[in-house]
Amino acid sequence: MRVLIQRVRKASVTVDNKVNGAITAGYVIFLGVGEGDTQKDADYLSEKTANLRIFSNTEGKFDHSLLDIKGEALVISQFTLYGNTKKGRRPDFTKAAKPDIADKLYQYFNESLRKKGLTVKTGIFAAEMTVEIINDGPVTIMIDSTEQ
């Protein structure tokens, strides 16, 4: 399982010309579920994500987590995080989990963040979405559960 985290000042996701979720200061989290991923992967990433210290203290050092600043999360499912570009010109997505499995782990990850006390907004799984992001920094971090 992979997350691509972007620290944002604000962000929103729109589906069919309707805003589905919007946040102020916090993270946009693009979540990709791979073949063989389990709830253990989601637990690891939700813990890491909620406690990742990439918000600055008064000296400008990364010292505060999303929980510390009481920030919000906008979580977007993104199977393309498993795109393999080693061959040819079209990415191969066969390492991404099947949609039914991916959706269950996406929902589980979101609920895990909520249980930690975070406000979580989402896109719609497998929908065509427009994501608007006002980056802060910019700060972008990739975490892969296979590296735990």
Protein backbone atom coordinates (compact mmCIF):
# COMPACT_ATOMS: atom_id res chain seq x y z
CA MET A 1 0.00 0.00 0.00
CA ARG A 2 1.29 3.44 -0.84
CA VAL A 3 0.41 6.97 0.21
CA LEU A 4 1.52 10.15 -1.46
CA ILE A 5 1.00 12.94 1.06
CA GLN A 6 0.86 16.60 0.11
CA ARG A 7 0.79 19.24 2.82
CA VAL A 8 -1.87 21.76 1.83
CA ARG A 9 -3.39 25.04 2.90
CA LYS A 10 -6.69 23.92 1.41
CA ALA A 11 -7.98 21.35 -1.05
CA SER A 12 -11.17 19.95 -2.52
CA VAL A 13 -12.36 17.10 -4.67
CA THR A 14 -15.18 17.42 -7.19
CA VAL A 15 -17.17 14.61 -8.78
CA ASP A 16 -19.76 15.32 -11.48
CA ASN A 17 -19.45 19.08 -10.91
CA LYS A 18 -20.26 18.70 -7.19
CA VAL A 19 -17.76 19.20 -4.38
CA ASN A 20 -17.57 15.89 -2.57
CA GLY A 21 -15.01 16.90 0.06
CA ALA A 22 -13.08 20.01 1.05
CA ILE A 23 -10.51 20.72 3.76
CA THR A 24 -8.47 23.56 5.14
CA ALA A 25 -4.92 23.08 6.48
CA GLY A 26 -3.82 19.47 6.43
CA TYR A 27 -3.00 16.70 3.98
CA VAL A 28 -4.20 15.52 0.66
CA ILE A 29 -3.49 11.80 0.76
CA PHE A 30 -3.43 9.82 -2.47
CA LEU A 31 -3.81 6.16 -1.48
CA GLY A 32 -2.88 3.25 -3.73
CA VAL A 33 -3.65 -0.34 -2.78
CA GLY A 34 -1.46 -3.06 -4.24
CA GLU A 35 -1.83 -6.80 -4.73
CA GLY A 36 -1.53 -8.61 -1.42
CA ASP A 37 -2.08 -5.55 0.79
CA THR A 38 -3.95 -6.15 4.04
CA GLN A 39 -5.38 -4.25 6.99
CA LYS A 40 -1.90 -4.48 8.54
CA ASP A 41 -0.59 -2.28 5.70
CA ALA A 42 -3.44 0.19 6.22
CA ASP A 43 -2.82 0.28 9.99
CA TYR A 44 0.88 1.00 9.44
CA LEU A 45 0.20 3.78 6.96
CA SER A 46 -2.58 5.41 8.97
CA GLU A 47 -0.36 5.49 12.07
CA LYS A 48 2.61 6.84 10.10
CA THR A 49 0.47 9.41 8.28
CA ALA A 50 -1.32 10.77 11.36
CA ASN A 51 1.95 11.16 13.28
CA LEU A 52 4.27 12.26 10.46
CA ARG A 53 5.92 15.51 11.58
CA ILE A 54 5.98 17.74 8.49
CA PHE A 55 4.41 20.91 9.88
CA SER A 56 6.84 23.58 11.04
CA ASN A 57 7.40 24.82 14.56
CA THR A 58 8.18 28.48 15.32
CA GLU A 59 11.80 27.96 14.22
CA GLY A 60 10.71 26.58 10.85
CA LYS A 61 11.71 22.97 11.63
CA PHE A 62 9.40 20.05 10.84
CA ASP A 63 8.14 19.26 14.32
CA HIS A 64 4.33 18.96 14.29
CA SER A 65 2.04 16.22 13.02
CA LEU A 66 -1.42 16.40 11.51
CA LEU A 67 -2.78 15.40 14.92
CA ASP A 68 -0.75 18.14 16.64
CA ILE A 69 -2.16 20.90 14.44
CA LYS A 70 -5.66 19.39 14.41
CA GLY A 71 -5.46 19.34 10.62
CA GLU A 72 -7.78 17.64 8.19
CA ALA A 73 -7.21 14.92 5.62
CA LEU A 74 -8.63 14.63 2.13
CA VAL A 75 -8.09 11.03 1.02
CA ILE A 76 -8.26 10.15 -2.67
CA SER A 77 -8.06 6.58 -3.98
CA GLN A 78 -5.39 6.36 -6.66
CA PHE A 79 -4.53 3.03 -8.27
CA THR A 80 -2.09 4.85 -10.58
CA LEU A 81 0.43 4.90 -7.71
CA TYR A 82 1.06 1.30 -8.82
CA GLY A 83 1.77 2.23 -12.43
CA ASN A 84 4.84 0.43 -13.77
CA THR A 85 6.59 2.27 -16.60
CA LYS A 86 9.56 -0.05 -17.15
CA LYS A 87 8.28 -1.31 -20.51
CA GLY A 88 6.74 0.65 -23.32
CA ARG A 89 5.01 3.99 -23.08
CA ARG A 90 1.77 3.00 -21.39
CA PRO A 91 1.86 2.30 -17.64
CA ASP A 92 1.04 -1.22 -16.50
CA PHE A 93 -1.32 -1.29 -13.50
CA THR A 94 -1.38 -5.05 -12.87
CA LYS A 95 0.29 -4.61 -9.46
CA ALA A 96 -2.71 -2.61 -8.21
CA ALA A 97 -5.27 -4.51 -6.14
CA LYS A 98 -8.59 -5.51 -7.67
CA PRO A 99 -11.26 -2.82 -7.12
CA ASP A 100 -13.34 -4.74 -4.55
CA ILE A 101 -10.30 -5.36 -2.34
CA ALA A 102 -8.90 -1.87 -2.89
CA ASP A 103 -12.18 -0.21 -1.94
CA LYS A 104 -12.43 -2.16 1.33
CA LEU A 105 -8.87 -1.20 2.31
CA TYR A 106 -9.44 2.42 1.23
CA GLN A 107 -12.50 2.61 3.51
CA TYR A 108 -10.61 0.85 6.32
CA PHE A 109 -7.70 3.34 6.04
CA ASN A 110 -10.11 6.29 6.20
CA GLU A 111 -11.86 4.87 9.27
CA SER A 112 -8.50 4.22 10.91
CA LEU A 113 -7.60 7.91 10.53
CA ARG A 114 -10.98 8.93 11.95
CA LYS A 115 -10.44 6.68 14.99
CA LYS A 116 -7.25 8.62 15.66
CA GLY A 117 -9.35 11.79 15.95
CA LEU A 118 -8.77 13.24 12.49
CA THR A 119 -11.39 14.85 10.28
CA VAL A 120 -11.35 12.88 7.03
CA LYS A 121 -13.01 13.88 3.78
CA THR A 122 -12.88 11.70 0.69
CA GLY A 123 -13.37 11.42 -2.98
CA ILE A 124 -15.53 8.66 -4.43
CA PHE A 125 -13.77 5.37 -5.01
CA ALA A 126 -13.17 4.66 -8.74
CA ALA A 127 -14.84 7.90 -9.86
CA GLU A 128 -13.40 10.47 -12.23
CA MET A 129 -12.43 13.30 -9.90
CA THR A 130 -11.05 16.80 -10.10
CA VAL A 131 -8.74 17.59 -7.19
CA GLU A 132 -7.84 21.20 -6.41
CA ILE A 133 -4.83 21.67 -4.17
CA ILE A 134 -3.17 24.73 -2.69
CA ASN A 135 0.17 23.22 -1.65
CA ASP A 136 1.92 24.40 1.47
CA GLY A 137 5.68 24.44 1.13
CA PRO A 138 5.38 22.51 -1.12
CA VAL A 139 5.90 19.38 0.94
CA THR A 140 5.25 15.99 -0.67
CA ILE A 141 6.11 12.65 0.97
CA MET A 142 5.71 9.09 -0.37
CA ILE A 143 5.37 6.18 2.07
CA ASP A 144 5.18 2.53 1.02
CA SER A 145 4.01 -0.07 3.53
CA THR A 146 6.56 -2.57 2.18
CA GLU A 147 9.28 -0.39 3.74
CA GLN A 148 8.12 -0.86 7.34
